[in-house]
Amino acid sequence: MKVNIHPAKTNVSKLIAAVESGEEVVIARNGEPAANLALAETPKKSRRNILRSGIGKMWISPDFNSLETNAEIAALFEKTRDFD
């Protein structure tokens, strides 16, 4: 199907439906083909890419799970603050 720009703008929903049903849609300017309307292909995200996306963005201290660090964190949680 070949459609000029103005009718394409007013019937974009119908044109998308036509493309979804397998029809080829060419958008023309003054009767000359200017663009093809095609289905968008969404890239599939692999689990590997998701897991590797944080590499180099975070740092963990070597002593993050030491007894001293755990005691310091526990002490911070046990402190009470007066808001009066």
PDB file of N, CA and C in Angstrom:
ATOM      1  N   MET A   1       0.853  -1.163   0.000  1.00  0.00           N
ATOM      2  CA  MET A   1       0.000   0.000   0.000  1.00  0.00           C
ATOM      3  C   MET A   1       0.901   1.230   0.000  1.00  0.00           C
ATOM      4  N   LYS A   2       0.568   2.199  -0.823  1.00  0.00           N
ATOM      5  CA  LYS A   2       1.324   3.445  -0.924  1.00  0.00           C
ATOM      6  C   LYS A   2       0.415   4.588  -0.489  1.00  0.00           C
ATOM      7  N   VAL A   3       0.874   5.391   0.476  1.00  0.00           N
ATOM      8  CA  VAL A   3       0.050   6.466   1.045  1.00  0.00           C
ATOM      9  C   VAL A   3       0.877   7.739   1.111  1.00  0.00           C
ATOM     10  N   ASN A   4       0.278   8.870   0.694  1.00  0.00           N
ATOM     11  CA  ASN A   4       0.963  10.155   0.830  1.00  0.00           C
ATOM     12  C   ASN A   4       1.004  10.583   2.304  1.00  0.00           C
ATOM     13  N   ILE A   5       1.840  11.542   2.608  1.00  0.00           N
ATOM     14  CA  ILE A   5       2.112  11.934   3.997  1.00  0.00           C
ATOM     15  C   ILE A   5       0.859  12.404   4.738  1.00  0.00           C
ATOM     16  N   HIS A   6       0.079  13.304   4.149  1.00  0.00           N
ATOM     17  CA  HIS A   6      -1.085  13.838   4.867  1.00  0.00           C
ATOM     18  C   HIS A   6      -2.084  12.737   5.241  1.00  0.00           C
ATOM     19  N   PRO A   7      -2.501  11.881   4.308  1.00  0.00           N
ATOM     20  CA  PRO A   7      -3.403  10.794   4.703  1.00  0.00           C
ATOM     21  C   PRO A   7      -2.741   9.827   5.702  1.00  0.00           C
ATOM     22  N   ALA A   8      -1.424   9.673   5.602  1.00  0.00           N
ATOM     23  CA  ALA A   8      -0.726   8.795   6.545  1.00  0.00           C
ATOM     24  C   ALA A   8      -0.811   9.357   7.959  1.00  0.00           C
ATOM     25  N   LYS A   9      -0.674  10.684   8.088  1.00  0.00           N
ATOM     26  CA  LYS A   9      -0.752  11.304   9.418  1.00  0.00           C
ATOM     27  C   LYS A   9      -2.138  11.138  10.028  1.00  0.00           C
ATOM     28  N   THR A  10      -3.159  11.227   9.224  1.00  0.00           N
ATOM     29  CA  THR A  10      -4.516  11.138   9.759  1.00  0.00           C
ATOM     30  C   THR A  10      -4.974   9.694   9.976  1.00  0.00           C
ATOM     31  N   ASN A  11      -4.279   8.731   9.373  1.00  0.00           N
ATOM     32  CA  ASN A  11      -4.683   7.322   9.487  1.00  0.00           C
ATOM     33  C   ASN A  11      -3.573   6.433  10.035  1.00  0.00           C
ATOM     34  N   VAL A  12      -2.737   6.990  10.880  1.00  0.00           N
ATOM     35  CA  VAL A  12      -1.578   6.230  11.354  1.00  0.00           C
ATOM     36  C   VAL A  12      -1.981   4.932  12.068  1.00  0.00           C
ATOM     37  N   SER A  13      -3.059   4.936  12.809  1.00  0.00           N
ATOM     38  CA  SER A  13      -3.498   3.722  13.506  1.00  0.00           C
ATOM     39  C   SER A  13      -3.865   2.617  12.517  1.00  0.00           C
ATOM     40  N   LYS A  14      -4.557   2.980  11.454  1.00  0.00           N
ATOM     41  CA  LYS A  14      -4.934   1.993  10.434  1.00  0.00           C
ATOM     42  C   LYS A  14      -3.706   1.462   9.705  1.00  0.00           C
ATOM     43  N   LEU A  15      -2.739   2.344   9.453  1.00  0.00           N
ATOM     44  CA  LEU A  15      -1.517   1.917   8.773  1.00  0.00           C
ATOM     45  C   LEU A  15      -0.708   0.959   9.642  1.00  0.00           C
ATOM     46  N   ILE A  16      -0.645   1.232  10.928  1.00  0.00           N
ATOM     47  CA  ILE A  16       0.064   0.337  11.845  1.00  0.00           C
ATOM     48  C   ILE A  16      -0.624  -1.018  11.885  1.00  0.00           C
ATOM     49  N   ALA A  17      -1.951  -1.018  11.906  1.00  0.00           N
ATOM     50  CA  ALA A  17      -2.697  -2.281  11.891  1.00  0.00           C
ATOM     51  C   ALA A  17      -2.409  -3.058  10.608  1.00  0.00           C
ATOM     52  N   ALA A  18      -2.307  -2.342   9.492  1.00  0.00           N
ATOM     53  CA  ALA A  18      -2.002  -3.003   8.221  1.00  0.00           C
ATOM     54  C   ALA A  18      -0.619  -3.637   8.252  1.00  0.00           C
ATOM     55  N   VAL A  19       0.352  -2.919   8.809  1.00  0.00           N
ATOM     56  CA  VAL A  19       1.709  -3.466   8.915  1.00  0.00           C
ATOM     57  C   VAL A  19       1.716  -4.678   9.830  1.00  0.00           C
ATOM     58  N   GLU A  20       0.981  -4.598  10.936  1.00  0.00           N
ATOM     59  CA  GLU A  20       0.913  -5.727  11.869  1.00  0.00           C
ATOM     60  C   GLU A  20       0.291  -6.956  11.227  1.00  0.00           C
ATOM     61  N   SER A  21      -0.575  -6.742  10.251  1.00  0.00           N
ATOM     62  CA  SER A  21      -1.200  -7.882   9.577  1.00  0.00           C
ATOM     63  C   SER A  21      -0.351  -8.396   8.407  1.00  0.00           C
ATOM     64  N   GLY A  22       0.807  -7.786   8.200  1.00  0.00           N
ATOM     65  CA  GLY A  22       1.733  -8.290   7.193  1.00  0.00           C
ATOM     66  C   GLY A  22       1.794  -7.488   5.909  1.00  0.00           C
ATOM     67  N   GLU A  23       1.032  -6.426   5.825  1.00  0.00           N
ATOM     68  CA  GLU A  23       1.020  -5.622   4.606  1.00  0.00           C
ATOM     69  C   GLU A  23       2.204  -4.660   4.592  1.00  0.00           C
ATOM     70  N   GLU A  24       2.742  -4.403   3.407  1.00  0.00           N
ATOM     71  CA  GLU A  24       3.835  -3.447   3.260  1.00  0.00           C
ATOM     72  C   GLU A  24       3.231  -2.059   3.060  1.00  0.00           C
ATOM     73  N   VAL A  25       3.707  -1.079   3.829  1.00  0.00           N
ATOM     74  CA  VAL A  25       3.183   0.285   3.725  1.00  0.00           C
ATOM     75  C   VAL A  25       4.329   1.219   3.355  1.00  0.00           C
ATOM     76  N   VAL A  26       4.151   1.950   2.263  1.00  0.00           N
ATOM     77  CA  VAL A  26       5.139   2.924   1.809  1.00  0.00           C
ATOM     78  C   VAL A  26       4.513   4.304   1.962  1.00  0.00           C
ATOM     79  N   ILE A  27       5.211   5.195   2.651  1.00  0.00           N
ATOM     80  CA  ILE A  27       4.741   6.572   2.812  1.00  0.00           C
ATOM     81  C   ILE A  27       5.445   7.407   1.747  1.00  0.00           C
ATOM     82  N   ALA A  28       4.649   8.152   0.994  1.00  0.00           N
ATOM     83  CA  ALA A  28       5.187   8.906  -0.139  1.00  0.00           C
ATOM     84  C   ALA A  28       5.041  10.405   0.078  1.00  0.00           C
ATOM     85  N   ARG A  29       5.929  11.145  -0.590  1.00  0.00           N
ATOM     86  CA  ARG A  29       5.844  12.608  -0.607  1.00  0.00           C
ATOM     87  C   ARG A  29       5.634  12.998  -2.067  1.00  0.00           C
ATOM     88  N   ASN A  30       4.515  13.604  -2.348  1.00  0.00           N
ATOM     89  CA  ASN A  30       4.151  13.972  -3.723  1.00  0.00           C
ATOM     90  C   ASN A  30       4.201  12.770  -4.668  1.00  0.00           C
ATOM     91  N   GLY A  31       3.769  11.621  -4.180  1.00  0.00           N
ATOM     92  CA  GLY A  31       3.718  10.425  -5.004  1.00  0.00           C
ATOM     93  C   GLY A  31       5.013   9.646  -5.088  1.00  0.00           C
ATOM     94  N   GLU A  32       6.099  10.195  -4.563  1.00  0.00           N
ATOM     95  CA  GLU A  32       7.403   9.517  -4.596  1.00  0.00           C
ATOM     96  C   GLU A  32       7.664   8.856  -3.241  1.00  0.00           C
ATOM     97  N   PRO A  33       8.065   7.583  -3.229  1.00  0.00           N
ATOM     98  CA  PRO A  33       8.320   6.890  -1.957  1.00  0.00           C
ATOM     99  C   PRO A  33       9.347   7.637  -1.100  1.00  0.00           C
ATOM    100  N   ALA A  34       9.008   7.840   0.162  1.00  0.00           N
ATOM    101  CA  ALA A  34       9.897   8.543   1.093  1.00  0.00           C
ATOM    102  C   ALA A  34      10.312   7.648   2.259  1.00  0.00           C
ATOM    103  N   ALA A  35       9.410   6.751   2.675  1.00  0.00           N
ATOM    104  CA  ALA A  35       9.724   5.900   3.836  1.00  0.00           C
ATOM    105  C   ALA A  35       8.883   4.638   3.790  1.00  0.00           C
ATOM    106  N   ASN A  36       9.403   3.594   4.414  1.00  0.00           N
ATOM    107  CA  ASN A  36       8.653   2.344   4.587  1.00  0.00           C
ATOM    108  C   ASN A  36       8.249   2.234   6.045  1.00  0.00           C
ATOM    109  N   LEU A  37       7.024   1.835   6.282  1.00  0.00           N
ATOM    110  CA  LEU A  37       6.544   1.606   7.639  1.00  0.00           C
ATOM    111  C   LEU A  37       6.739   0.126   7.932  1.00  0.00           C
ATOM    112  N   ALA A  38       7.471  -0.172   9.005  1.00  0.00           N
ATOM    113  CA  ALA A  38       7.794  -1.567   9.311  1.00  0.00           C
ATOM    114  C   ALA A  38       7.577  -1.844  10.792  1.00  0.00           C
ATOM    115  N   LEU A  39       7.406  -3.129  11.118  1.00  0.00           N
ATOM    116  CA  LEU A  39       7.268  -3.539  12.512  1.00  0.00           C
ATOM    117  C   LEU A  39       8.570  -3.297  13.262  1.00  0.00           C
ATOM    118  N   ALA A  40       8.447  -2.853  14.483  1.00  0.00           N
ATOM    119  CA  ALA A  40       9.624  -2.661  15.326  1.00  0.00           C
ATOM    120  C   ALA A  40       9.993  -3.993  15.965  1.00  0.00           C
ATOM    121  N   GLU A  41      11.267  -4.293  15.970  1.00  0.00           N
ATOM    122  CA  GLU A  41      11.741  -5.506  16.624  1.00  0.00           C
ATOM    123  C   GLU A  41      12.366  -5.119  17.953  1.00  0.00           C
ATOM    124  N   THR A  42      11.806  -5.626  19.032  1.00  0.00           N
ATOM    125  CA  THR A  42      12.346  -5.314  20.348  1.00  0.00           C
ATOM    126  C   THR A  42      13.465  -6.296  20.661  1.00  0.00           C
ATOM    127  N   PRO A  43      14.632  -5.790  21.025  1.00  0.00           N
ATOM    128  CA  PRO A  43      15.743  -6.687  21.347  1.00  0.00           C
ATOM    129  C   PRO A  43      15.456  -7.449  22.630  1.00  0.00           C
ATOM    130  N   LYS A  44      15.816  -8.706  22.629  1.00  0.00           N
ATOM    131  CA  LYS A  44      15.629  -9.515  23.824  1.00  0.00           C
ATOM    132  C   LYS A  44      16.829  -9.316  24.736  1.00  0.00           C
ATOM    133  N   LYS A  45      16.546  -9.007  25.999  1.00  0.00           N
ATOM    134  CA  LYS A  45      17.620  -8.834  26.967  1.00  0.00           C
ATOM    135  C   LYS A  45      17.992 -10.196  27.519  1.00  0.00           C
ATOM    136  N   SER A  46      19.253 -10.477  27.436  1.00  0.00           N
ATOM    137  CA  SER A  46      19.686 -11.748  27.996  1.00  0.00           C
ATOM    138  C   SER A  46      20.021 -11.549  29.472  1.00  0.00           C
ATOM    139  N   ARG A  47      19.870 -12.587  30.223  1.00  0.00           N
ATOM    140  CA  ARG A  47      20.171 -12.527  31.652  1.00  0.00           C
ATOM    141  C   ARG A  47      21.633 -12.148  31.872  1.00  0.00           C
ATOM    142  N   ARG A  48      22.479 -12.598  31.004  1.00  0.00           N
ATOM    143  CA  ARG A  48      23.902 -12.311  31.135  1.00  0.00           C
ATOM    144  C   ARG A  48      24.164 -10.809  31.058  1.00  0.00           C
ATOM    145  N   ASN A  49      23.520 -10.122  30.118  1.00  0.00           N
ATOM    146  CA  ASN A  49      23.715  -8.684  29.995  1.00  0.00           C
ATOM    147  C   ASN A  49      23.209  -7.932  31.218  1.00  0.00           C
ATOM    148  N   ILE A  50      22.093  -8.386  31.780  1.00  0.00           N
ATOM    149  CA  ILE A  50      21.542  -7.723  32.956  1.00  0.00           C
ATOM    150  C   ILE A  50      22.495  -7.875  34.137  1.00  0.00           C
ATOM    151  N   LEU A  51      23.027  -9.071  34.322  1.00  0.00           N
ATOM    152  CA  LEU A  51      23.918  -9.298  35.454  1.00  0.00           C
ATOM    153  C   LEU A  51      25.234  -8.556  35.305  1.00  0.00           C
ATOM    154  N   ARG A  52      25.697  -8.369  34.091  1.00  0.00           N
ATOM    155  CA  ARG A  52      26.989  -7.734  33.868  1.00  0.00           C
ATOM    156  C   ARG A  52      26.888  -6.212  33.760  1.00  0.00           C
ATOM    157  N   SER A  53      25.697  -5.665  33.835  1.00  0.00           N
ATOM    158  CA  SER A  53      25.532  -4.230  33.626  1.00  0.00           C
ATOM    159  C   SER A  53      26.121  -3.390  34.758  1.00  0.00           C
ATOM    160  N   GLY A  54      26.354  -3.960  35.927  1.00  0.00           N
ATOM    161  CA  GLY A  54      26.876  -3.195  37.048  1.00  0.00           C
ATOM    162  C   GLY A  54      28.383  -3.292  37.224  1.00  0.00           C
ATOM    163  N   ILE A  55      29.056  -3.997  36.323  1.00  0.00           N
ATOM    164  CA  ILE A  55      30.506  -4.175  36.458  1.00  0.00           C
ATOM    165  C   ILE A  55      31.200  -2.821  36.396  1.00  0.00           C
ATOM    166  N   GLY A  56      32.067  -2.575  37.379  1.00  0.00           N
ATOM    167  CA  GLY A  56      32.827  -1.342  37.429  1.00  0.00           C
ATOM    168  C   GLY A  56      32.072  -0.172  38.033  1.00  0.00           C
ATOM    169  N   LYS A  57      30.849  -0.370  38.479  1.00  0.00           N
ATOM    170  CA  LYS A  57      30.051   0.727  39.023  1.00  0.00           C
ATOM    171  C   LYS A  57      29.955   0.680  40.544  1.00  0.00           C
ATOM    172  N   MET A  58      30.499  -0.344  41.135  1.00  0.00           N
ATOM    173  CA  MET A  58      30.378  -0.440  42.582  1.00  0.00           C
ATOM    174  C   MET A  58      31.629  -1.084  43.157  1.00  0.00           C
ATOM    175  N   TRP A  59      31.905  -0.762  44.406  1.00  0.00           N
ATOM    176  CA  TRP A  59      33.094  -1.265  45.064  1.00  0.00           C
ATOM    177  C   TRP A  59      32.691  -1.785  46.438  1.00  0.00           C
ATOM    178  N   ILE A  60      33.234  -2.931  46.820  1.00  0.00           N
ATOM    179  CA  ILE A  60      32.955  -3.512  48.132  1.00  0.00           C
ATOM    180  C   ILE A  60      34.273  -3.631  48.879  1.00  0.00           C
ATOM    181  N   SER A  61      34.291  -3.097  50.079  1.00  0.00           N
ATOM    182  CA  SER A  61      35.487  -3.144  50.902  1.00  0.00           C
ATOM    183  C   SER A  61      35.829  -4.592  51.250  1.00  0.00           C
ATOM    184  N   PRO A  62      37.128  -4.931  51.296  1.00  0.00           N
ATOM    185  CA  PRO A  62      37.512  -6.292  51.635  1.00  0.00           C
ATOM    186  C   PRO A  62      37.060  -6.712  53.041  1.00  0.00           C
ATOM    187  N   ASP A  63      36.878  -5.752  53.936  1.00  0.00           N
ATOM    188  CA  ASP A  63      36.490  -6.096  55.314  1.00  0.00           C
ATOM    189  C   ASP A  63      34.990  -5.850  55.565  1.00  0.00           C
ATOM    190  N   PHE A  64      34.163  -5.872  54.512  1.00  0.00           N
ATOM    191  CA  PHE A  64      32.756  -5.539  54.668  1.00  0.00           C
ATOM    192  C   PHE A  64      32.025  -6.487  55.616  1.00  0.00           C
ATOM    193  N   ASN A  65      32.511  -7.688  55.787  1.00  0.00           N
ATOM    194  CA  ASN A  65      31.820  -8.664  56.616  1.00  0.00           C
ATOM    195  C   ASN A  65      32.662  -9.069  57.827  1.00  0.00           C
ATOM    196  N   SER A  66      33.555  -8.186  58.258  1.00  0.00           N
ATOM    197  CA  SER A  66      34.395  -8.518  59.415  1.00  0.00           C
ATOM    198  C   SER A  66      33.595  -8.334  60.707  1.00  0.00           C
ATOM    199  N   LEU A  67      34.072  -8.928  61.786  1.00  0.00           N
ATOM    200  CA  LEU A  67      33.392  -8.812  63.074  1.00  0.00           C
ATOM    201  C   LEU A  67      33.353  -7.369  63.559  1.00  0.00           C
ATOM    202  N   GLU A  68      34.448  -6.635  63.329  1.00  0.00           N
ATOM    203  CA  GLU A  68      34.499  -5.241  63.774  1.00  0.00           C
ATOM    204  C   GLU A  68      33.470  -4.384  63.029  1.00  0.00           C
ATOM    205  N   THR A  69      33.396  -4.579  61.716  1.00  0.00           N
ATOM    206  CA  THR A  69      32.440  -3.807  60.919  1.00  0.00           C
ATOM    207  C   THR A  69      31.011  -4.139  61.330  1.00  0.00           C
ATOM    208  N   ASN A  70      30.721  -5.419  61.539  1.00  0.00           N
ATOM    209  CA  ASN A  70      29.386  -5.822  61.960  1.00  0.00           C
ATOM    210  C   ASN A  70      29.031  -5.219  63.313  1.00  0.00           C
ATOM    211  N   ALA A  71      30.008  -5.154  64.218  1.00  0.00           N
ATOM    212  CA  ALA A  71      29.764  -4.574  65.539  1.00  0.00           C
ATOM    213  C   ALA A  71      29.482  -3.076  65.421  1.00  0.00           C
ATOM    214  N   GLU A  72      30.222  -2.383  64.547  1.00  0.00           N
ATOM    215  CA  GLU A  72      30.000  -0.950  64.350  1.00  0.00           C
ATOM    216  C   GLU A  72      28.595  -0.690  63.786  1.00  0.00           C
ATOM    217  N   ILE A  73      28.196  -1.494  62.829  1.00  0.00           N
ATOM    218  CA  ILE A  73      26.868  -1.322  62.234  1.00  0.00           C
ATOM    219  C   ILE A  73      25.779  -1.616  63.260  1.00  0.00           C
ATOM    220  N   ALA A  74      25.948  -2.663  64.044  1.00  0.00           N
ATOM    221  CA  ALA A  74      24.972  -3.005  65.078  1.00  0.00           C
ATOM    222  C   ALA A  74      24.856  -1.872  66.084  1.00  0.00           C
ATOM    223  N   ALA A  75      25.988  -1.273  66.472  1.00  0.00           N
ATOM    224  CA  ALA A  75      25.975  -0.166  67.428  1.00  0.00           C
ATOM    225  C   ALA A  75      25.212   1.028  66.858  1.00  0.00           C
ATOM    226  N   LEU A  76      25.378   1.289  65.574  1.00  0.00           N
ATOM    227  CA  LEU A  76      24.659   2.400  64.957  1.00  0.00           C
ATOM    228  C   LEU A  76      23.149   2.176  64.979  1.00  0.00           C
ATOM    229  N   PHE A  77      22.712   0.922  64.770  1.00  0.00           N
ATOM    230  CA  PHE A  77      21.288   0.619  64.795  1.00  0.00           C
ATOM    231  C   PHE A  77      20.716   0.643  66.206  1.00  0.00           C
ATOM    232  N   GLU A  78      21.531   0.363  67.185  1.00  0.00           N
ATOM    233  CA  GLU A  78      21.050   0.302  68.565  1.00  0.00           C
ATOM    234  C   GLU A  78      20.956   1.671  69.218  1.00  0.00           C
ATOM    235  N   LYS A  79      21.655   2.650  68.682  1.00  0.00           N
ATOM    236  CA  LYS A  79      21.599   3.998  69.240  1.00  0.00           C
ATOM    237  C   LYS A  79      20.193   4.552  69.075  1.00  0.00           C
ATOM    238  N   THR A  80      19.735   5.270  70.093  1.00  0.00           N
ATOM    239  CA  THR A  80      18.446   5.944  69.992  1.00  0.00           C
ATOM    240  C   THR A  80      18.682   7.432  69.925  1.00  0.00           C
ATOM    241  N   ARG A  81      17.840   8.105  69.159  1.00  0.00           N
ATOM    242  CA  ARG A  81      17.978   9.556  69.037  1.00  0.00           C
ATOM    243  C   ARG A  81      16.721  10.199  69.618  1.00  0.00           C
ATOM    244  N   ASP A  82      16.953  11.245  70.367  1.00  0.00           N
ATOM    245  CA  ASP A  82      15.827  12.019  70.883  1.00  0.00           C
ATOM    246  C   ASP A  82      15.489  13.116  69.867  1.00  0.00           C
ATOM    247  N   PHE A  83      14.242  13.172  69.506  1.00  0.00           N
ATOM    248  CA  PHE A  83      13.812  14.174  68.546  1.00  0.00           C
ATOM    249  C   PHE A  83      13.122  15.359  69.237  1.00  0.00           C
ATOM    250  N   ASP A  84      13.187  15.427  70.530  1.00  0.00           N
ATOM    251  CA  ASP A  84      12.565  16.538  71.259  1.00  0.00           C
ATOM    252  C   ASP A  84      13.505  17.698  71.385  1.00  0.00           C
TER     253      ASP A  84
END
